[in-house]
N, C-alpha and C. Protein backbone atom coordinates (compact mmCIF):
# COMPACT_ATOMS: atom_id res chain seq x y z
N MET A 1 -12.62 -15.49 16.13
CA MET A 1 -11.30 -15.18 16.99
C MET A 1 -10.59 -13.61 16.67
N THR A 2 -10.83 -12.66 17.41
CA THR A 2 -10.10 -11.35 17.21
C THR A 2 -8.43 -11.42 17.81
N THR A 3 -7.46 -10.86 17.35
CA THR A 3 -6.45 -11.30 18.00
C THR A 3 -5.91 -9.91 18.33
N ALA A 4 -5.76 -9.67 19.77
CA ALA A 4 -5.06 -8.09 20.27
C ALA A 4 -4.10 -7.85 19.66
N ASP A 5 -2.88 -8.56 18.90
CA ASP A 5 -1.84 -7.85 17.66
C ASP A 5 -1.99 -8.55 16.81
N PRO A 6 -3.07 -8.23 15.64
CA PRO A 6 -2.88 -9.09 14.43
C PRO A 6 -1.87 -9.01 13.38
N THR A 7 -1.74 -9.50 12.49
CA THR A 7 -0.31 -9.32 11.57
C THR A 7 -1.22 -8.88 10.32
N SER A 8 -2.55 -9.19 10.48
CA SER A 8 -3.45 -8.44 9.17
C SER A 8 -4.96 -8.33 9.97
N GLU A 9 -5.69 -7.35 9.08
CA GLU A 9 -7.28 -7.30 9.30
C GLU A 9 -7.90 -7.08 8.45
N SER A 10 -9.26 -7.45 8.05
CA SER A 10 -9.79 -7.69 6.97
C SER A 10 -11.15 -7.02 7.42
N ARG A 11 -11.65 -6.19 6.05
CA ARG A 11 -12.79 -5.28 6.25
C ARG A 11 -13.46 -5.08 5.04
N GLU A 12 -14.87 -5.32 5.28
CA GLU A 12 -16.33 -5.61 4.21
C GLU A 12 -16.53 -4.11 3.91
N HIS A 13 -16.24 -3.35 2.78
CA HIS A 13 -16.72 -2.00 2.45
C HIS A 13 -16.40 -1.75 1.18
N ALA A 14 -16.91 -0.86 0.63
CA ALA A 14 -16.53 -0.27 -0.92
C ALA A 14 -15.36 0.62 -0.38
N THR A 15 -14.38 -0.18 -1.48
CA THR A 15 -12.95 0.60 -1.49
C THR A 15 -12.91 1.34 -2.10
N PRO A 16 -11.72 2.24 -2.23
CA PRO A 16 -11.60 3.37 -3.35
C PRO A 16 -11.06 3.09 -4.83
N GLY A 17 -10.81 1.48 -4.73
CA GLY A 17 -10.51 1.09 -6.06
C GLY A 17 -11.46 0.26 -6.78
N GLY A 18 -12.71 0.32 -6.20
CA GLY A 18 -13.67 -0.07 -6.89
C GLY A 18 -14.20 -1.83 -5.92
N GLY A 19 -13.22 -2.17 -5.13
CA GLY A 19 -13.82 -3.44 -4.51
C GLY A 19 -14.67 -3.67 -3.06
N VAL A 20 -14.85 -4.31 -2.74
CA VAL A 20 -16.31 -4.68 -1.65
C VAL A 20 -15.15 -5.05 -0.63
N ARG A 21 -13.88 -5.60 -0.34
CA ARG A 21 -13.08 -5.80 0.94
C ARG A 21 -11.81 -5.39 0.91
N SER A 22 -10.94 -4.98 1.75
CA SER A 22 -9.97 -4.67 1.88
C SER A 22 -9.08 -5.63 2.99
N THR A 23 -8.16 -6.29 2.77
CA THR A 23 -6.96 -6.59 3.85
C THR A 23 -5.85 -5.74 3.93
N ILE A 24 -5.16 -5.40 5.23
CA ILE A 24 -4.37 -4.73 5.28
C ILE A 24 -3.40 -5.86 6.24
N TYR A 25 -1.98 -5.95 5.79
CA TYR A 25 -1.09 -6.52 6.50
C TYR A 25 0.23 -5.76 6.79
N TYR A 26 0.32 -5.72 8.17
CA TYR A 26 1.23 -5.61 8.71
C TYR A 26 2.76 -5.88 8.53
N LEU A 27 3.58 -4.93 8.39
CA LEU A 27 4.90 -5.26 7.89
C LEU A 27 6.24 -4.35 8.86
N ASN A 28 7.30 -5.20 8.45
CA ASN A 28 8.32 -4.21 9.00
C ASN A 28 9.65 -3.91 8.40
N ASP A 29 10.47 -3.22 8.13
CA ASP A 29 11.39 -2.61 7.21
C ASP A 29 11.53 -3.66 6.45
N ALA A 30 11.64 -5.09 6.80
CA ALA A 30 12.32 -6.29 5.38
C ALA A 30 10.85 -6.56 4.75
N ARG A 31 10.10 -6.35 4.85
CA ARG A 31 8.92 -6.41 4.41
C ARG A 31 8.21 -7.62 4.84
N GLU A 32 8.67 -8.15 6.07
CA GLU A 32 8.15 -9.39 7.06
C GLU A 32 6.94 -9.18 7.59
N SER A 33 5.90 -10.16 7.71
CA SER A 33 4.92 -9.78 8.05
C SER A 33 5.46 -10.06 9.57
N VAL A 34 4.39 -9.17 10.41
CA VAL A 34 4.67 -8.97 11.85
C VAL A 34 3.64 -8.39 12.51
N PRO A 35 3.40 -8.20 13.87
CA PRO A 35 2.04 -8.08 14.45
C PRO A 35 2.08 -6.32 14.28
N LYS A 36 0.42 -5.70 14.44
CA LYS A 36 0.71 -4.43 14.32
C LYS A 36 1.29 -3.71 15.21
N SER A 37 1.80 -3.74 16.30
CA SER A 37 2.66 -2.87 17.32
C SER A 37 3.67 -2.89 16.42
N GLN A 38 4.38 -4.21 15.93
CA GLN A 38 5.95 -4.20 15.43
C GLN A 38 6.04 -3.63 14.04
N ALA A 39 4.61 -2.94 13.29
CA ALA A 39 5.13 -2.85 12.03
C ALA A 39 5.67 -1.15 11.76
N THR A 40 6.32 -1.57 10.60
CA THR A 40 6.83 0.23 10.10
C THR A 40 5.98 0.46 8.29
N ALA A 41 5.45 -0.76 8.14
CA ALA A 41 4.96 -0.38 6.69
C ALA A 41 4.01 -1.48 7.38
N ALA A 42 3.36 -0.94 5.92
CA ALA A 42 1.76 -2.05 5.85
C ALA A 42 1.62 -1.92 3.84
N GLU A 43 0.53 -2.81 3.34
CA GLU A 43 0.46 -3.16 2.23
C GLU A 43 -1.42 -3.46 2.48
N ILE A 44 -2.20 -2.76 1.65
CA ILE A 44 -3.51 -2.89 1.60
C ILE A 44 -3.67 -3.50 0.25
N VAL A 45 -4.70 -4.37 0.40
CA VAL A 45 -5.28 -4.92 -0.51
C VAL A 45 -6.67 -4.91 -0.92
N GLU A 46 -7.01 -4.09 -2.06
CA GLU A 46 -8.84 -4.20 -2.46
C GLU A 46 -8.92 -5.52 -3.29
N PHE A 47 -10.30 -6.22 -3.15
CA PHE A 47 -10.81 -7.25 -3.54
C PHE A 47 -12.24 -7.08 -3.95
N ASP A 48 -12.47 -7.96 -4.96
CA ASP A 48 -14.02 -7.05 -5.88
C ASP A 48 -14.31 -8.41 -5.41
N GLU A 49 -15.95 -8.72 -5.91
CA GLU A 49 -17.11 -9.27 -5.17
C GLU A 49 -16.33 -11.34 -5.13
N ALA A 50 -15.51 -11.25 -6.62
CA ALA A 50 -15.38 -12.34 -7.00
C ALA A 50 -14.20 -12.84 -6.23
N GLY A 51 -13.48 -11.91 -5.39
CA GLY A 51 -12.29 -12.23 -5.02
C GLY A 51 -10.69 -12.01 -5.07
N MET A 52 -11.06 -11.65 -6.48
CA MET A 52 -9.81 -10.78 -7.28
C MET A 52 -9.43 -9.72 -6.90
N GLU A 53 -8.20 -9.41 -6.73
CA GLU A 53 -7.83 -8.28 -6.47
C GLU A 53 -7.71 -6.84 -7.40
N VAL A 54 -8.12 -6.08 -6.75
CA VAL A 54 -8.27 -4.85 -7.68
C VAL A 54 -7.45 -3.62 -7.49
N ALA A 55 -6.78 -3.58 -6.50
CA ALA A 55 -6.18 -2.20 -6.48
C ALA A 55 -5.14 -2.97 -5.13
N ARG A 56 -3.45 -2.26 -5.05
CA ARG A 56 -2.99 -2.52 -4.12
C ARG A 56 -2.14 -1.19 -3.52
N THR A 57 -2.11 -0.85 -2.17
CA THR A 57 -1.27 0.41 -2.06
C THR A 57 -0.21 -0.25 -0.82
N TYR A 58 0.76 0.57 -1.08
CA TYR A 58 2.15 0.40 0.12
C TYR A 58 2.30 1.51 0.90
N LEU A 59 2.33 1.75 2.32
CA LEU A 59 2.39 2.12 3.38
C LEU A 59 3.43 1.91 3.97
N GLU A 60 4.44 3.28 4.35
CA GLU A 60 5.39 2.94 5.40
C GLU A 60 5.22 4.31 6.45
N SER A 61 6.20 3.59 7.33
CA SER A 61 6.32 5.24 8.45
C SER A 61 7.24 5.84 8.21
N GLU A 62 6.80 7.37 8.37
CA GLU A 62 7.94 8.27 7.94
C GLU A 62 9.28 7.57 8.66
N GLY A 63 9.56 7.44 9.38
CA GLY A 63 11.05 6.99 10.03
C GLY A 63 11.39 5.32 8.98
N SER A 64 10.65 4.89 8.73
CA SER A 64 10.99 3.31 8.22
C SER A 64 11.72 3.76 6.41
N ARG A 65 12.88 3.73 6.49
CA ARG A 65 13.61 3.93 5.28
C ARG A 65 14.84 3.00 4.85
N SER A 66 15.20 1.91 5.83
CA SER A 66 16.23 1.09 5.28
C SER A 66 15.85 -0.16 4.18
N ALA A 67 14.69 -0.20 3.93
CA ALA A 67 14.12 -1.32 2.86
C ALA A 67 13.65 -0.59 1.77
N PRO A 68 14.48 -0.91 0.79
CA PRO A 68 13.95 -0.33 -0.43
C PRO A 68 12.64 0.08 -1.00
N PRO A 69 11.90 0.91 -1.40
CA PRO A 69 10.65 0.77 -1.81
C PRO A 69 10.06 0.02 -2.68
N PRO A 70 9.05 -0.50 -2.70
CA PRO A 70 8.53 -1.72 -3.58
C PRO A 70 8.23 -1.14 -4.85
N GLU A 71 8.67 -1.97 -5.77
CA GLU A 71 8.87 -1.88 -7.17
C GLU A 71 7.06 -1.61 -7.72
N PHE A 72 6.76 -1.03 -8.30
CA PHE A 72 5.19 -0.75 -9.03
C PHE A 72 5.00 -0.99 -10.45
N THR A 73 4.06 -2.02 -10.63
CA THR A 73 4.25 -1.60 -12.22
C THR A 73 3.37 -0.48 -12.35
N PRO A 74 3.03 -0.08 -13.64
CA PRO A 74 2.40 1.15 -14.06
C PRO A 74 0.77 1.55 -13.45
N ALA A 75 0.09 -0.23 -13.70
CA ALA A 75 -1.05 -0.12 -13.10
C ALA A 75 -1.30 0.23 -11.79
N GLU A 76 -0.62 -0.52 -10.68
CA GLU A 76 -0.32 -0.11 -9.15
C GLU A 76 -0.01 1.24 -8.89
N LEU A 77 0.78 1.84 -9.63
CA LEU A 77 1.25 3.25 -9.62
C LEU A 77 0.03 4.27 -9.73
N LEU A 78 -0.51 3.82 -10.73
CA LEU A 78 -1.56 4.75 -11.14
C LEU A 78 -2.67 4.77 -10.21
N ALA A 79 -2.91 3.57 -9.73
CA ALA A 79 -4.11 3.03 -8.52
C ALA A 79 -3.48 3.57 -7.35
N ALA A 80 -2.31 3.78 -7.18
CA ALA A 80 -1.95 4.10 -5.77
C ALA A 80 -2.14 5.77 -5.88
N ILE A 81 -2.13 5.98 -6.57
CA ILE A 81 -1.79 7.98 -6.98
C ILE A 81 -3.55 8.22 -6.99
N VAL A 82 -4.25 7.45 -7.58
CA VAL A 82 -5.75 7.55 -7.70
C VAL A 82 -6.40 7.16 -6.09
N GLN A 83 -5.86 6.47 -5.96
CA GLN A 83 -6.14 6.30 -3.97
C GLN A 83 -5.67 7.50 -3.03
N ALA A 84 -4.41 7.95 -3.40
CA ALA A 84 -4.25 9.28 -2.41
C ALA A 84 -4.90 10.67 -3.04
N ARG A 85 -5.16 10.69 -3.87
CA ARG A 85 -5.98 11.55 -4.50
C ARG A 85 -7.48 11.97 -4.21
N ILE A 86 -7.74 10.77 -3.73
CA ILE A 86 -9.60 10.46 -3.60
C ILE A 86 -9.05 11.04 -1.85
N GLU A 87 -8.09 10.35 -1.37
CA GLU A 87 -7.83 10.54 0.38
C GLU A 87 -7.53 11.98 0.64
N GLY A 88 -7.11 12.90 -0.58
CA GLY A 88 -6.41 14.03 -0.25
C GLY A 88 -5.06 14.44 0.17
N ASP A 89 -4.56 12.91 0.60
CA ASP A 89 -2.95 13.17 0.75
C ASP A 89 -1.82 13.72 -0.27
N LEU A 90 -2.27 15.17 -0.65
CA LEU A 90 -1.29 15.29 -1.50
C LEU A 90 0.05 15.38 -1.43
N GLU A 91 0.83 14.99 -0.39
CA GLU A 91 2.07 14.73 -0.13
C GLU A 91 2.65 13.50 -0.67
N THR A 92 1.57 12.57 -0.54
CA THR A 92 1.60 11.11 -0.86
C THR A 92 1.53 11.37 -2.67
N VAL A 93 0.52 11.98 -3.22
CA VAL A 93 0.44 12.10 -4.46
C VAL A 93 1.74 12.86 -5.25
N LYS A 94 1.92 13.45 -4.70
CA LYS A 94 3.38 14.63 -5.56
C LYS A 94 4.41 13.31 -5.39
N ARG A 95 4.83 12.38 -4.41
CA ARG A 95 5.71 11.82 -4.05
C ARG A 95 5.88 10.55 -5.38
N LEU A 96 4.60 10.21 -5.20
CA LEU A 96 3.95 9.23 -6.60
C LEU A 96 3.97 9.60 -7.82
N GLU A 97 3.63 10.58 -8.24
CA GLU A 97 4.20 11.44 -9.57
C GLU A 97 5.36 11.14 -9.71
N ASP A 98 6.29 11.72 -8.66
CA ASP A 98 8.02 12.20 -8.78
C ASP A 98 8.78 10.83 -9.43
N LEU A 99 8.06 9.56 -8.52
CA LEU A 99 8.34 8.49 -8.92
C LEU A 99 7.84 7.68 -10.33
N ALA A 100 6.79 8.09 -10.74
CA ALA A 100 6.20 7.62 -11.81
C ALA A 100 6.55 8.51 -13.13
N ALA A 101 7.88 9.81 -12.81
CA ALA A 101 7.92 10.35 -13.86
C ALA A 101 9.68 10.32 -13.95
N THR A 102 10.06 9.67 -12.70
CA THR A 102 11.23 9.14 -13.08
C THR A 102 11.84 8.03 -14.07
N PRO A 103 12.62 8.00 -14.80
CA PRO A 103 13.07 7.32 -15.73
C PRO A 103 13.66 5.54 -14.78
N PRO A 104 13.49 4.75 -15.30
CA PRO A 104 14.10 3.21 -15.07
C PRO A 104 15.36 3.36 -14.50
N ALA A 105 15.99 3.62 -15.20
CA ALA A 105 17.72 3.84 -14.68
C ALA A 105 18.06 4.72 -13.83
N ALA A 106 17.25 5.67 -14.02
CA ALA A 106 17.86 6.52 -13.00
C ALA A 106 17.31 6.42 -11.24
N ALA A 107 16.01 5.56 -11.43
CA ALA A 107 15.38 4.83 -10.29
C ALA A 107 16.06 4.49 -9.73
N ASP A 108 16.86 3.23 -10.43
CA ASP A 108 17.46 2.06 -9.80
C ASP A 108 19.09 2.65 -9.13
N ALA A 109 19.40 3.89 -9.65
CA ALA A 109 20.55 4.58 -9.30
C ALA A 109 20.94 4.91 -7.78
């Protein structure tokens, strides 16, 4: 059954992170699950054939700045940079590379 305004959507396809399926979760500024029409952010999770997570990407709308950015592990940050490069999103690449170059103490200030 397909919901007209889903809170998540899954798709079988070859993913940029090497997976075979991805699920996008629609979120609000507080990172709570909401219908797609109300979303200001999203989280895309890629899975391999065994159902194990292989990559995770966070997205937010340009006007959505009330919630702090999610904390990335180094692996997640690298995966996000690689995916943005694959997609040709140079603005996101620059933003993520700047984040990666920011010392942790400065990032928390």
